[in-house]
Amino acid sequence: MASTGGSSNRDQKDSSERDKAANPIDRRTTVKVSDMPEDLQQKAIEFINAALDKFKDATTSQEREVAKHVKQEFDKLPGIGPTWHCVFGRNFAAHCTYQSRCFLYLTIGQHNLVLWKHT
């Protein structure tokens, strides 16, 4: 009977650490509150994932870049115009007034995103 000792646990731990390093942000998305059409919600998720691919680490500066990317992409969308605001990160609270049908709050992994348009 062969014994692997502690190396098996170490190999599993090293493997999980490599997985975390390769994909630092969990991509499971849950819409918590939305006053936004489904197609815009899907665009927001696409923009978030594109930004997460571009800015791999979830440090504070990258969180800012993700929010900036999503905001700029929404500002460019035809037919809905600029003046979008976006907050992306962990452990924050937000209270805002927004234009009707232009609010989204979702979680993506352990991060939160609030996106709204103000006239």
PDB file of N, CA and C in Angstrom:
ATOM      1  N   MET A   1       0.850  -1.170   0.000  1.00  0.00           N
ATOM      2  CA  MET A   1       0.000   0.000   0.000  1.00  0.00           C
ATOM      3  C   MET A   1       0.898   1.236   0.000  1.00  0.00           C
ATOM      4  N   ALA A   2       0.664   2.138  -0.914  1.00  0.00           N
ATOM      5  CA  ALA A   2       1.488   3.339  -1.031  1.00  0.00           C
ATOM      6  C   ALA A   2       0.894   4.454  -0.193  1.00  0.00           C
ATOM      7  N   SER A   3       1.774   5.218   0.393  1.00  0.00           N
ATOM      8  CA  SER A   3       1.341   6.364   1.192  1.00  0.00           C
ATOM      9  C   SER A   3       1.860   7.625   0.536  1.00  0.00           C
ATOM     10  N   THR A   4       0.990   8.611   0.390  1.00  0.00           N
ATOM     11  CA  THR A   4       1.402   9.862  -0.242  1.00  0.00           C
ATOM     12  C   THR A   4       1.806  10.896   0.783  1.00  0.00           C
ATOM     13  N   GLY A   5       1.564  10.628   2.038  1.00  0.00           N
ATOM     14  CA  GLY A   5       1.927  11.574   3.090  1.00  0.00           C
ATOM     15  C   GLY A   5       1.186  12.890   2.931  1.00  0.00           C
ATOM     16  N   GLY A   6       1.885  13.985   3.177  1.00  0.00           N
ATOM     17  CA  GLY A   6       1.260  15.302   3.113  1.00  0.00           C
ATOM     18  C   GLY A   6       1.355  15.947   1.746  1.00  0.00           C
ATOM     19  N   SER A   7       2.056  15.339   0.800  1.00  0.00           N
ATOM     20  CA  SER A   7       2.249  15.994  -0.497  1.00  0.00           C
ATOM     21  C   SER A   7       0.941  16.147  -1.262  1.00  0.00           C
ATOM     22  N   SER A   8      -0.003  15.231  -1.095  1.00  0.00           N
ATOM     23  CA  SER A   8      -1.276  15.337  -1.798  1.00  0.00           C
ATOM     24  C   SER A   8      -2.018  16.595  -1.384  1.00  0.00           C
ATOM     25  N   ASN A   9      -2.070  16.841  -0.083  1.00  0.00           N
ATOM     26  CA  ASN A   9      -2.735  18.051   0.388  1.00  0.00           C
ATOM     27  C   ASN A   9      -2.007  19.302  -0.104  1.00  0.00           C
ATOM     28  N   ARG A  10      -0.688  19.255  -0.094  1.00  0.00           N
ATOM     29  CA  ARG A  10       0.097  20.402  -0.555  1.00  0.00           C
ATOM     30  C   ARG A  10      -0.157  20.645  -2.047  1.00  0.00           C
ATOM     31  N   ASP A  11      -0.211  19.542  -2.846  1.00  0.00           N
ATOM     32  CA  ASP A  11      -0.466  19.672  -4.279  1.00  0.00           C
ATOM     33  C   ASP A  11      -1.848  20.277  -4.536  1.00  0.00           C
ATOM     34  N   GLN A  12      -2.844  19.852  -3.758  1.00  0.00           N
ATOM     35  CA  GLN A  12      -4.189  20.412  -3.910  1.00  0.00           C
ATOM     36  C   GLN A  12      -4.200  21.880  -3.540  1.00  0.00           C
ATOM     37  N   LYS A  13      -3.489  22.233  -2.477  1.00  0.00           N
ATOM     38  CA  LYS A  13      -3.433  23.627  -2.049  1.00  0.00           C
ATOM     39  C   LYS A  13      -2.731  24.474  -3.106  1.00  0.00           C
ATOM     40  N   ASP A  14      -1.611  23.984  -3.640  1.00  0.00           N
ATOM     41  CA  ASP A  14      -0.897  24.710  -4.684  1.00  0.00           C
ATOM     42  C   ASP A  14      -1.771  24.883  -5.918  1.00  0.00           C
ATOM     43  N   SER A  15      -2.530  23.853  -6.281  1.00  0.00           N
ATOM     44  CA  SER A  15      -3.413  23.914  -7.435  1.00  0.00           C
ATOM     45  C   SER A  15      -4.514  24.962  -7.232  1.00  0.00           C
ATOM     46  N   SER A  16      -5.111  24.988  -6.043  1.00  0.00           N
ATOM     47  CA  SER A  16      -6.170  25.967  -5.790  1.00  0.00           C
ATOM     48  C   SER A  16      -5.613  27.385  -5.756  1.00  0.00           C
ATOM     49  N   GLU A  17      -4.373  27.547  -5.265  1.00  0.00           N
ATOM     50  CA  GLU A  17      -3.752  28.871  -5.279  1.00  0.00           C
ATOM     51  C   GLU A  17      -3.453  29.323  -6.697  1.00  0.00           C
ATOM     52  N   ARG A  18      -3.032  28.393  -7.571  1.00  0.00           N
ATOM     53  CA  ARG A  18      -2.812  28.739  -8.982  1.00  0.00           C
ATOM     54  C   ARG A  18      -4.123  29.129  -9.642  1.00  0.00           C
ATOM     55  N   ASP A  19      -5.209  28.407  -9.334  1.00  0.00           N
ATOM     56  CA  ASP A  19      -6.514  28.738  -9.902  1.00  0.00           C
ATOM     57  C   ASP A  19      -6.945  30.129  -9.475  1.00  0.00           C
ATOM     58  N   LYS A  20      -6.739  30.463  -8.212  1.00  0.00           N
ATOM     59  CA  LYS A  20      -7.109  31.798  -7.722  1.00  0.00           C
ATOM     60  C   LYS A  20      -6.272  32.872  -8.393  1.00  0.00           C
ATOM     61  N   ALA A  21      -4.997  32.587  -8.585  1.00  0.00           N
ATOM     62  CA  ALA A  21      -4.118  33.561  -9.227  1.00  0.00           C
ATOM     63  C   ALA A  21      -4.513  33.755 -10.681  1.00  0.00           C
ATOM     64  N   ALA A  22      -4.936  32.686 -11.351  1.00  0.00           N
ATOM     65  CA  ALA A  22      -5.314  32.788 -12.755  1.00  0.00           C
ATOM     66  C   ALA A  22      -6.652  33.491 -12.919  1.00  0.00           C
ATOM     67  N   ASN A  23      -7.554  33.363 -11.970  1.00  0.00           N
ATOM     68  CA  ASN A  23      -8.873  33.970 -12.049  1.00  0.00           C
ATOM     69  C   ASN A  23      -9.217  34.564 -10.692  1.00  0.00           C
ATOM     70  N   PRO A  24      -8.689  35.762 -10.365  1.00  0.00           N
ATOM     71  CA  PRO A  24      -8.830  36.290  -9.021  1.00  0.00           C
ATOM     72  C   PRO A  24     -10.250  36.689  -8.629  1.00  0.00           C
ATOM     73  N   ILE A  25     -11.119  36.928  -9.593  1.00  0.00           N
ATOM     74  CA  ILE A  25     -12.478  37.334  -9.262  1.00  0.00           C
ATOM     75  C   ILE A  25     -13.447  36.263  -9.741  1.00  0.00           C
ATOM     76  N   ASP A  26     -14.267  35.787  -8.820  1.00  0.00           N
ATOM     77  CA  ASP A  26     -15.324  34.838  -9.143  1.00  0.00           C
ATOM     78  C   ASP A  26     -16.310  35.541 -10.071  1.00  0.00           C
ATOM     79  N   ARG A  27     -16.715  34.900 -11.152  1.00  0.00           N
ATOM     80  CA  ARG A  27     -17.560  35.542 -12.163  1.00  0.00           C
ATOM     81  C   ARG A  27     -19.057  35.234 -12.009  1.00  0.00           C
ATOM     82  N   ARG A  28     -19.452  34.542 -10.949  1.00  0.00           N
ATOM     83  CA  ARG A  28     -20.886  34.271 -10.765  1.00  0.00           C
ATOM     84  C   ARG A  28     -21.610  35.581 -10.513  1.00  0.00           C
ATOM     85  N   THR A  29     -22.593  35.866 -11.345  1.00  0.00           N
ATOM     86  CA  THR A  29     -23.289  37.154 -11.299  1.00  0.00           C
ATOM     87  C   THR A  29     -24.722  36.956 -10.828  1.00  0.00           C
ATOM     88  N   THR A  30     -25.142  37.806  -9.884  1.00  0.00           N
ATOM     89  CA  THR A  30     -26.512  37.794  -9.391  1.00  0.00           C
ATOM     90  C   THR A  30     -27.043  39.215  -9.399  1.00  0.00           C
ATOM     91  N   VAL A  31     -28.125  39.440 -10.130  1.00  0.00           N
ATOM     92  CA  VAL A  31     -28.769  40.749 -10.121  1.00  0.00           C
ATOM     93  C   VAL A  31     -29.588  40.838  -8.842  1.00  0.00           C
ATOM     94  N   LYS A  32     -29.278  41.821  -8.012  1.00  0.00           N
ATOM     95  CA  LYS A  32     -29.974  42.002  -6.737  1.00  0.00           C
ATOM     96  C   LYS A  32     -31.185  42.917  -6.894  1.00  0.00           C
ATOM     97  N   VAL A  33     -30.976  44.074  -7.514  1.00  0.00           N
ATOM     98  CA  VAL A  33     -32.061  45.040  -7.727  1.00  0.00           C
ATOM     99  C   VAL A  33     -31.856  45.646  -9.105  1.00  0.00           C
ATOM    100  N   SER A  34     -32.929  45.745  -9.861  1.00  0.00           N
ATOM    101  CA  SER A  34     -32.805  46.349 -11.182  1.00  0.00           C
ATOM    102  C   SER A  34     -34.091  47.055 -11.575  1.00  0.00           C
ATOM    103  N   ASP A  35     -33.924  48.247 -12.108  1.00  0.00           N
ATOM    104  CA  ASP A  35     -34.999  48.981 -12.756  1.00  0.00           C
ATOM    105  C   ASP A  35     -34.488  49.279 -14.167  1.00  0.00           C
ATOM    106  N   MET A  36     -33.998  48.222 -14.824  1.00  0.00           N
ATOM    107  CA  MET A  36     -33.321  48.363 -16.105  1.00  0.00           C
ATOM    108  C   MET A  36     -33.795  47.225 -17.014  1.00  0.00           C
ATOM    109  N   PRO A  37     -33.988  47.502 -18.297  1.00  0.00           N
ATOM    110  CA  PRO A  37     -34.379  46.423 -19.218  1.00  0.00           C
ATOM    111  C   PRO A  37     -33.332  45.306 -19.251  1.00  0.00           C
ATOM    112  N   GLU A  38     -33.784  44.108 -19.526  1.00  0.00           N
ATOM    113  CA  GLU A  38     -32.927  42.923 -19.533  1.00  0.00           C
ATOM    114  C   GLU A  38     -31.748  43.072 -20.484  1.00  0.00           C
ATOM    115  N   ASP A  39     -31.969  43.671 -21.657  1.00  0.00           N
ATOM    116  CA  ASP A  39     -30.863  43.807 -22.613  1.00  0.00           C
ATOM    117  C   ASP A  39     -29.759  44.707 -22.069  1.00  0.00           C
ATOM    118  N   LEU A  40     -30.119  45.753 -21.342  1.00  0.00           N
ATOM    119  CA  LEU A  40     -29.095  46.613 -20.737  1.00  0.00           C
ATOM    120  C   LEU A  40     -28.383  45.904 -19.588  1.00  0.00           C
ATOM    121  N   GLN A  41     -29.111  45.082 -18.833  1.00  0.00           N
ATOM    122  CA  GLN A  41     -28.475  44.295 -17.776  1.00  0.00           C
ATOM    123  C   GLN A  41     -27.416  43.376 -18.381  1.00  0.00           C
ATOM    124  N   GLN A  42     -27.753  42.735 -19.492  1.00  0.00           N
ATOM    125  CA  GLN A  42     -26.806  41.836 -20.149  1.00  0.00           C
ATOM    126  C   GLN A  42     -25.592  42.601 -20.689  1.00  0.00           C
ATOM    127  N   LYS A  43     -25.822  43.797 -21.218  1.00  0.00           N
ATOM    128  CA  LYS A  43     -24.701  44.630 -21.670  1.00  0.00           C
ATOM    129  C   LYS A  43     -23.785  44.965 -20.503  1.00  0.00           C
ATOM    130  N   ALA A  44     -24.374  45.296 -19.355  1.00  0.00           N
ATOM    131  CA  ALA A  44     -23.569  45.615 -18.173  1.00  0.00           C
ATOM    132  C   ALA A  44     -22.697  44.430 -17.787  1.00  0.00           C
ATOM    133  N   ILE A  45     -23.258  43.246 -17.787  1.00  0.00           N
ATOM    134  CA  ILE A  45     -22.500  42.042 -17.435  1.00  0.00           C
ATOM    135  C   ILE A  45     -21.385  41.800 -18.454  1.00  0.00           C
ATOM    136  N   GLU A  46     -21.673  42.009 -19.742  1.00  0.00           N
ATOM    137  CA  GLU A  46     -20.646  41.867 -20.775  1.00  0.00           C
ATOM    138  C   GLU A  46     -19.511  42.864 -20.545  1.00  0.00           C
ATOM    139  N   PHE A  47     -19.865  44.123 -20.241  1.00  0.00           N
ATOM    140  CA  PHE A  47     -18.856  45.152 -20.016  1.00  0.00           C
ATOM    141  C   PHE A  47     -18.020  44.851 -18.775  1.00  0.00           C
ATOM    142  N   ILE A  48     -18.658  44.342 -17.726  1.00  0.00           N
ATOM    143  CA  ILE A  48     -17.930  43.988 -16.503  1.00  0.00           C
ATOM    144  C   ILE A  48     -16.925  42.875 -16.807  1.00  0.00           C
ATOM    145  N   ASN A  49     -17.385  41.838 -17.485  1.00  0.00           N
ATOM    146  CA  ASN A  49     -16.487  40.721 -17.801  1.00  0.00           C
ATOM    147  C   ASN A  49     -15.334  41.158 -18.692  1.00  0.00           C
ATOM    148  N   ALA A  50     -15.606  42.040 -19.654  1.00  0.00           N
ATOM    149  CA  ALA A  50     -14.528  42.559 -20.507  1.00  0.00           C
ATOM    150  C   ALA A  50     -13.513  43.332 -19.671  1.00  0.00           C
ATOM    151  N   ALA A  51     -14.010  44.140 -18.735  1.00  0.00           N
ATOM    152  CA  ALA A  51     -13.108  44.909 -17.870  1.00  0.00           C
ATOM    153  C   ALA A  51     -12.317  43.986 -16.948  1.00  0.00           C
ATOM    154  N   LEU A  52     -12.953  42.946 -16.431  1.00  0.00           N
ATOM    155  CA  LEU A  52     -12.249  42.009 -15.554  1.00  0.00           C
ATOM    156  C   LEU A  52     -11.170  41.252 -16.323  1.00  0.00           C
ATOM    157  N   ASP A  53     -11.424  40.971 -17.597  1.00  0.00           N
ATOM    158  CA  ASP A  53     -10.397  40.337 -18.424  1.00  0.00           C
ATOM    159  C   ASP A  53      -9.227  41.288 -18.640  1.00  0.00           C
ATOM    160  N   LYS A  54      -9.541  42.560 -18.818  1.00  0.00           N
ATOM    161  CA  LYS A  54      -8.512  43.559 -19.077  1.00  0.00           C
ATOM    162  C   LYS A  54      -7.703  43.889 -17.823  1.00  0.00           C
ATOM    163  N   PHE A  55      -8.391  44.001 -16.683  1.00  0.00           N
ATOM    164  CA  PHE A  55      -7.757  44.347 -15.414  1.00  0.00           C
ATOM    165  C   PHE A  55      -7.854  43.135 -14.506  1.00  0.00           C
ATOM    166  N   LYS A  56      -6.880  42.250 -14.567  1.00  0.00           N
ATOM    167  CA  LYS A  56      -6.952  40.930 -13.938  1.00  0.00           C
ATOM    168  C   LYS A  56      -7.060  40.944 -12.423  1.00  0.00           C
ATOM    169  N   ASP A  57      -6.293  41.768 -11.734  1.00  0.00           N
ATOM    170  CA  ASP A  57      -6.274  41.746 -10.281  1.00  0.00           C
ATOM    171  C   ASP A  57      -7.393  42.605  -9.717  1.00  0.00           C
ATOM    172  N   ALA A  58      -7.864  42.228  -8.543  1.00  0.00           N
ATOM    173  CA  ALA A  58      -8.973  42.943  -7.918  1.00  0.00           C
ATOM    174  C   ALA A  58      -8.474  43.918  -6.862  1.00  0.00           C
ATOM    175  N   THR A  59      -7.409  44.628  -7.160  1.00  0.00           N
ATOM    176  CA  THR A  59      -6.931  45.633  -6.225  1.00  0.00           C
ATOM    177  C   THR A  59      -7.795  46.877  -6.357  1.00  0.00           C
ATOM    178  N   THR A  60      -7.614  47.812  -5.444  1.00  0.00           N
ATOM    179  CA  THR A  60      -8.439  49.014  -5.445  1.00  0.00           C
ATOM    180  C   THR A  60      -8.322  49.778  -6.755  1.00  0.00           C
ATOM    181  N   SER A  61      -7.116  49.918  -7.288  1.00  0.00           N
ATOM    182  CA  SER A  61      -6.969  50.667  -8.539  1.00  0.00           C
ATOM    183  C   SER A  61      -7.645  49.944  -9.696  1.00  0.00           C
ATOM    184  N   GLN A  62      -7.588  48.612  -9.724  1.00  0.00           N
ATOM    185  CA  GLN A  62      -8.272  47.878 -10.782  1.00  0.00           C
ATOM    186  C   GLN A  62      -9.781  47.950 -10.616  1.00  0.00           C
ATOM    187  N   GLU A  63     -10.265  47.964  -9.391  1.00  0.00           N
ATOM    188  CA  GLU A  63     -11.704  48.126  -9.168  1.00  0.00           C
ATOM    189  C   GLU A  63     -12.165  49.461  -9.740  1.00  0.00           C
ATOM    190  N   ARG A  64     -11.369  50.484  -9.533  1.00  0.00           N
ATOM    191  CA  ARG A  64     -11.677  51.800 -10.102  1.00  0.00           C
ATOM    192  C   ARG A  64     -11.702  51.741 -11.623  1.00  0.00           C
ATOM    193  N   GLU A  65     -10.752  51.015 -12.196  1.00  0.00           N
ATOM    194  CA  GLU A  65     -10.686  50.890 -13.656  1.00  0.00           C
ATOM    195  C   GLU A  65     -11.875  50.119 -14.209  1.00  0.00           C
ATOM    196  N   VAL A  66     -12.327  49.086 -13.493  1.00  0.00           N
ATOM    197  CA  VAL A  66     -13.513  48.335 -13.921  1.00  0.00           C
ATOM    198  C   VAL A  66     -14.724  49.263 -13.929  1.00  0.00           C
ATOM    199  N   ALA A  67     -14.920  50.021 -12.864  1.00  0.00           N
ATOM    200  CA  ALA A  67     -16.050  50.959 -12.792  1.00  0.00           C
ATOM    201  C   ALA A  67     -15.962  51.996 -13.914  1.00  0.00           C
ATOM    202  N   LYS A  68     -14.768  52.507 -14.143  1.00  0.00           N
ATOM    203  CA  LYS A  68     -14.568  53.512 -15.192  1.00  0.00           C
ATOM    204  C   LYS A  68     -14.898  52.931 -16.566  1.00  0.00           C
ATOM    205  N   HIS A  69     -14.456  51.700 -16.809  1.00  0.00           N
ATOM    206  CA  HIS A  69     -14.722  51.040 -18.088  1.00  0.00           C
ATOM    207  C   HIS A  69     -16.229  50.863 -18.328  1.00  0.00           C
ATOM    208  N   VAL A  70     -16.933  50.355 -17.329  1.00  0.00           N
ATOM    209  CA  VAL A  70     -18.376  50.124 -17.467  1.00  0.00           C
ATOM    210  C   VAL A  70     -19.092  51.452 -17.699  1.00  0.00           C
ATOM    211  N   LYS A  71     -18.748  52.480 -16.931  1.00  0.00           N
ATOM    212  CA  LYS A  71     -19.363  53.800 -17.081  1.00  0.00           C
ATOM    213  C   LYS A  71     -19.138  54.348 -18.490  1.00  0.00           C
ATOM    214  N   GLN A  72     -17.906  54.283 -18.980  1.00  0.00           N
ATOM    215  CA  GLN A  72     -17.595  54.813 -20.305  1.00  0.00           C
ATOM    216  C   GLN A  72     -18.309  54.051 -21.411  1.00  0.00           C
ATOM    217  N   GLU A  73     -18.426  52.742 -21.264  1.00  0.00           N
ATOM    218  CA  GLU A  73     -19.135  51.950 -22.268  1.00  0.00           C
ATOM    219  C   GLU A  73     -20.624  52.300 -22.287  1.00  0.00           C
ATOM    220  N   PHE A  74     -21.220  52.502 -21.116  1.00  0.00           N
ATOM    221  CA  PHE A  74     -22.628  52.888 -21.071  1.00  0.00           C
ATOM    222  C   PHE A  74     -22.828  54.301 -21.614  1.00  0.00           C
ATOM    223  N   ASP A  75     -21.897  55.202 -21.358  1.00  0.00           N
ATOM    224  CA  ASP A  75     -21.985  56.555 -21.907  1.00  0.00           C
ATOM    225  C   ASP A  75     -21.990  56.544 -23.433  1.00  0.00           C
ATOM    226  N   LYS A  76     -21.335  55.551 -24.044  1.00  0.00           N
ATOM    227  CA  LYS A  76     -21.236  55.470 -25.502  1.00  0.00           C
ATOM    228  C   LYS A  76     -22.424  54.771 -26.161  1.00  0.00           C
ATOM    229  N   LEU A  77     -23.273  54.109 -25.384  1.00  0.00           N
ATOM    230  CA  LEU A  77     -24.384  53.367 -25.984  1.00  0.00           C
ATOM    231  C   LEU A  77     -25.339  54.316 -26.706  1.00  0.00           C
ATOM    232  N   PRO A  78     -25.707  53.977 -27.935  1.00  0.00           N
ATOM    233  CA  PRO A  78     -26.635  54.847 -28.672  1.00  0.00           C
ATOM    234  C   PRO A  78     -28.049  54.765 -28.106  1.00  0.00           C
ATOM    235  N   GLY A  79     -28.711  55.896 -28.107  1.00  0.00           N
ATOM    236  CA  GLY A  79     -30.111  55.923 -27.703  1.00  0.00           C
ATOM    237  C   GLY A  79     -30.360  56.151 -26.227  1.00  0.00           C
ATOM    238  N   ILE A  80     -29.347  55.992 -25.376  1.00  0.00           N
ATOM    239  CA  ILE A  80     -29.591  56.212 -23.946  1.00  0.00           C
ATOM    240  C   ILE A  80     -28.748  57.335 -23.370  1.00  0.00           C
ATOM    241  N   GLY A  81     -27.711  57.735 -24.092  1.00  0.00           N
ATOM    242  CA  GLY A  81     -26.940  58.918 -23.729  1.00  0.00           C
ATOM    243  C   GLY A  81     -26.034  58.773 -22.523  1.00  0.00           C
ATOM    244  N   PRO A  82     -25.271  59.844 -22.277  1.00  0.00           N
ATOM    245  CA  PRO A  82     -24.290  59.832 -21.179  1.00  0.00           C
ATOM    246  C   PRO A  82     -24.902  60.108 -19.805  1.00  0.00           C
ATOM    247  N   THR A  83     -24.064  60.403 -18.877  1.00  0.00           N
ATOM    248  CA  THR A  83     -24.364  60.699 -17.478  1.00  0.00           C
ATOM    249  C   THR A  83     -24.620  59.439 -16.664  1.00  0.00           C
ATOM    250  N   TRP A  84     -23.894  58.366 -16.969  1.00  0.00           N
ATOM    251  CA  TRP A  84     -23.955  57.148 -16.175  1.00  0.00           C
ATOM    252  C   TRP A  84     -22.917  57.222 -15.066  1.00  0.00           C
ATOM    253  N   HIS A  85     -23.219  56.564 -13.965  1.00  0.00           N
ATOM    254  CA  HIS A  85     -22.311  56.486 -12.824  1.00  0.00           C
ATOM    255  C   HIS A  85     -22.172  55.017 -12.450  1.00  0.00           C
ATOM    256  N   CYS A  86     -20.976  54.638 -11.986  1.00  0.00           N
ATOM    257  CA  CYS A  86     -20.729  53.244 -11.660  1.00  0.00           C
ATOM    258  C   CYS A  86     -19.797  53.146 -10.465  1.00  0.00           C
ATOM    259  N   VAL A  87     -20.131  52.254  -9.548  1.00  0.00           N
ATOM    260  CA  VAL A  87     -19.279  51.936  -8.409  1.00  0.00           C
ATOM    261  C   VAL A  87     -19.092  50.422  -8.428  1.00  0.00           C
ATOM    262  N   PHE A  88     -17.834  49.982  -8.344  1.00  0.00           N
ATOM    263  CA  PHE A  88     -17.516  48.561  -8.337  1.00  0.00           C
ATOM    264  C   PHE A  88     -16.505  48.307  -7.230  1.00  0.00           C
ATOM    265  N   GLY A  89     -16.794  47.347  -6.378  1.00  0.00           N
ATOM    266  CA  GLY A  89     -15.853  47.022  -5.318  1.00  0.00           C
ATOM    267  C   GLY A  89     -16.513  46.177  -4.244  1.00  0.00           C
ATOM    268  N   ARG A  90     -15.887  46.184  -3.078  1.00  0.00           N
ATOM    269  CA  ARG A  90     -16.408  45.450  -1.920  1.00  0.00           C
ATOM    270  C   ARG A  90     -16.653  46.438  -0.794  1.00  0.00           C
ATOM    271  N   ASN A  91     -17.538  46.076   0.088  1.00  0.00           N
ATOM    272  CA  ASN A  91     -17.742  46.804   1.340  1.00  0.00           C
ATOM    273  C   ASN A  91     -18.015  48.295   1.137  1.00  0.00           C
ATOM    274  N   PHE A  92     -19.038  48.611   0.400  1.00  0.00           N
ATOM    275  CA  PHE A  92     -19.443  50.000   0.259  1.00  0.00           C
ATOM    276  C   PHE A  92     -20.957  50.086   0.339  1.00  0.00           C
ATOM    277  N   ALA A  93     -21.434  51.257   0.613  1.00  0.00           N
ATOM    278  CA  ALA A  93     -22.877  51.518   0.628  1.00  0.00           C
ATOM    279  C   ALA A  93     -23.136  52.639  -0.361  1.00  0.00           C
ATOM    280  N   ALA A  94     -24.317  52.652  -0.937  1.00  0.00           N
ATOM    281  CA  ALA A  94     -24.649  53.687  -1.910  1.00  0.00           C
ATOM    282  C   ALA A  94     -26.113  54.063  -1.771  1.00  0.00           C
ATOM    283  N   HIS A  95     -26.360  55.329  -1.967  1.00  0.00           N
ATOM    284  CA  HIS A  95     -27.728  55.846  -2.028  1.00  0.00           C
ATOM    285  C   HIS A  95     -27.735  56.853  -3.163  1.00  0.00           C
ATOM    286  N   CYS A  96     -28.633  56.685  -4.111  1.00  0.00           N
ATOM    287  CA  CYS A  96     -28.621  57.586  -5.258  1.00  0.00           C
ATOM    288  C   CYS A  96     -30.035  57.798  -5.785  1.00  0.00           C
ATOM    289  N   THR A  97     -30.196  58.905  -6.474  1.00  0.00           N
ATOM    290  CA  THR A  97     -31.419  59.125  -7.243  1.00  0.00           C
ATOM    291  C   THR A  97     -31.058  58.821  -8.692  1.00  0.00           C
ATOM    292  N   TYR A  98     -32.002  58.256  -9.427  1.00  0.00           N
ATOM    293  CA  TYR A  98     -31.684  57.818 -10.776  1.00  0.00           C
ATOM    294  C   TYR A  98     -32.876  57.993 -11.691  1.00  0.00           C
ATOM    295  N   GLN A  99     -32.571  58.028 -12.967  1.00  0.00           N
ATOM    296  CA  GLN A  99     -33.593  58.121 -13.995  1.00  0.00           C
ATOM    297  C   GLN A  99     -34.329  56.786 -14.075  1.00  0.00           C
ATOM    298  N   SER A 100     -35.611  56.855 -14.316  1.00  0.00           N
ATOM    299  CA  SER A 100     -36.421  55.649 -14.418  1.00  0.00           C
ATOM    300  C   SER A 100     -35.842  54.681 -15.445  1.00  0.00           C
ATOM    301  N   ARG A 101     -35.835  53.386 -15.099  1.00  0.00           N
ATOM    302  CA  ARG A 101     -35.339  52.289 -15.930  1.00  0.00           C
ATOM    303  C   ARG A 101     -33.835  52.360 -16.171  1.00  0.00           C
ATOM    304  N   CYS A 102     -33.114  53.012 -15.253  1.00  0.00           N
ATOM    305  CA  CYS A 102     -31.671  53.177 -15.419  1.00  0.00           C
ATOM    306  C   CYS A 102     -30.924  52.909 -14.114  1.00  0.00           C
ATOM    307  N   PHE A 103     -31.252  51.814 -13.436  1.00  0.00           N
ATOM    308  CA  PHE A 103     -30.572  51.461 -12.191  1.00  0.00           C
ATOM    309  C   PHE A 103     -30.308  49.964 -12.170  1.00  0.00           C
ATOM    310  N   LEU A 104     -29.098  49.592 -11.735  1.00  0.00           N
ATOM    311  CA  LEU A 104     -28.730  48.186 -11.615  1.00  0.00           C
ATOM    312  C   LEU A 104     -27.804  48.004 -10.420  1.00  0.00           C
ATOM    313  N   TYR A 105     -28.127  47.018  -9.590  1.00  0.00           N
ATOM    314  CA  TYR A 105     -27.256  46.609  -8.491  1.00  0.00           C
ATOM    315  C   TYR A 105     -27.083  45.104  -8.621  1.00  0.00           C
ATOM    316  N   LEU A 106     -25.835  44.666  -8.743  1.00  0.00           N
ATOM    317  CA  LEU A 106     -25.576  43.242  -8.870  1.00  0.00           C
ATOM    318  C   LEU A 106     -24.313  42.863  -8.115  1.00  0.00           C
ATOM    319  N   THR A 107     -24.186  41.569  -7.886  1.00  0.00           N
ATOM    320  CA  THR A 107     -22.956  41.036  -7.307  1.00  0.00           C
ATOM    321  C   THR A 107     -22.290  40.178  -8.371  1.00  0.00           C
ATOM    322  N   ILE A 108     -20.972  40.212  -8.358  1.00  0.00           N
ATOM    323  CA  ILE A 108     -20.187  39.341  -9.213  1.00  0.00           C
ATOM    324  C   ILE A 108     -19.084  38.790  -8.323  1.00  0.00           C
ATOM    325  N   GLY A 109     -19.254  37.528  -7.940  1.00  0.00           N
ATOM    326  CA  GLY A 109     -18.360  36.944  -6.939  1.00  0.00           C
ATOM    327  C   GLY A 109     -18.546  37.673  -5.622  1.00  0.00           C
ATOM    328  N   GLN A 110     -17.446  38.157  -5.056  1.00  0.00           N
ATOM    329  CA  GLN A 110     -17.512  38.891  -3.791  1.00  0.00           C
ATOM    330  C   GLN A 110     -17.574  40.398  -4.005  1.00  0.00           C
ATOM    331  N   HIS A 111     -17.674  40.814  -5.234  1.00  0.00           N
ATOM    332  CA  HIS A 111     -17.723  42.238  -5.557  1.00  0.00           C
ATOM    333  C   HIS A 111     -19.160  42.667  -5.862  1.00  0.00           C
ATOM    334  N   ASN A 112     -19.386  43.952  -5.712  1.00  0.00           N
ATOM    335  CA  ASN A 112     -20.699  44.534  -6.003  1.00  0.00           C
ATOM    336  C   ASN A 112     -20.532  45.596  -7.068  1.00  0.00           C
ATOM    337  N   LEU A 113     -21.596  45.801  -7.829  1.00  0.00           N
ATOM    338  CA  LEU A 113     -21.613  46.864  -8.807  1.00  0.00           C
ATOM    339  C   LEU A 113     -22.935  47.601  -8.689  1.00  0.00           C
ATOM    340  N   VAL A 114     -22.851  48.916  -8.664  1.00  0.00           N
ATOM    341  CA  VAL A 114     -24.039  49.764  -8.732  1.00  0.00           C
ATOM    342  C   VAL A 114     -23.840  50.649  -9.956  1.00  0.00           C
ATOM    343  N   LEU A 115     -24.829  50.627 -10.836  1.00  0.00           N
ATOM    344  CA  LEU A 115     -24.783  51.409 -12.062  1.00  0.00           C
ATOM    345  C   LEU A 115     -26.090  52.157 -12.185  1.00  0.00           C
ATOM    346  N   TRP A 116     -25.994  53.474 -12.405  1.00  0.00           N
ATOM    347  CA  TRP A 116     -27.217  54.257 -12.544  1.00  0.00           C
ATOM    348  C   TRP A 116     -26.970  55.454 -13.436  1.00  0.00           C
ATOM    349  N   LYS A 117     -28.077  55.957 -13.981  1.00  0.00           N
ATOM    350  CA  LYS A 117     -28.013  57.152 -14.816  1.00  0.00           C
ATOM    351  C   LYS A 117     -28.774  58.262 -14.119  1.00  0.00           C
ATOM    352  N   HIS A 118     -28.154  59.407 -14.107  1.00  0.00           N
ATOM    353  CA  HIS A 118     -28.750  60.570 -13.474  1.00  0.00           C
ATOM    354  C   HIS A 118     -28.855  61.660 -14.531  1.00  0.00           C
ATOM    355  N   THR A 119     -30.010  62.278 -14.597  1.00  0.00           N
ATOM    356  CA  THR A 119     -30.179  63.339 -15.605  1.00  0.00           C
ATOM    357  C   THR A 119     -29.630  64.652 -15.131  1.00  0.00           C
TER     358      THR A 119
END
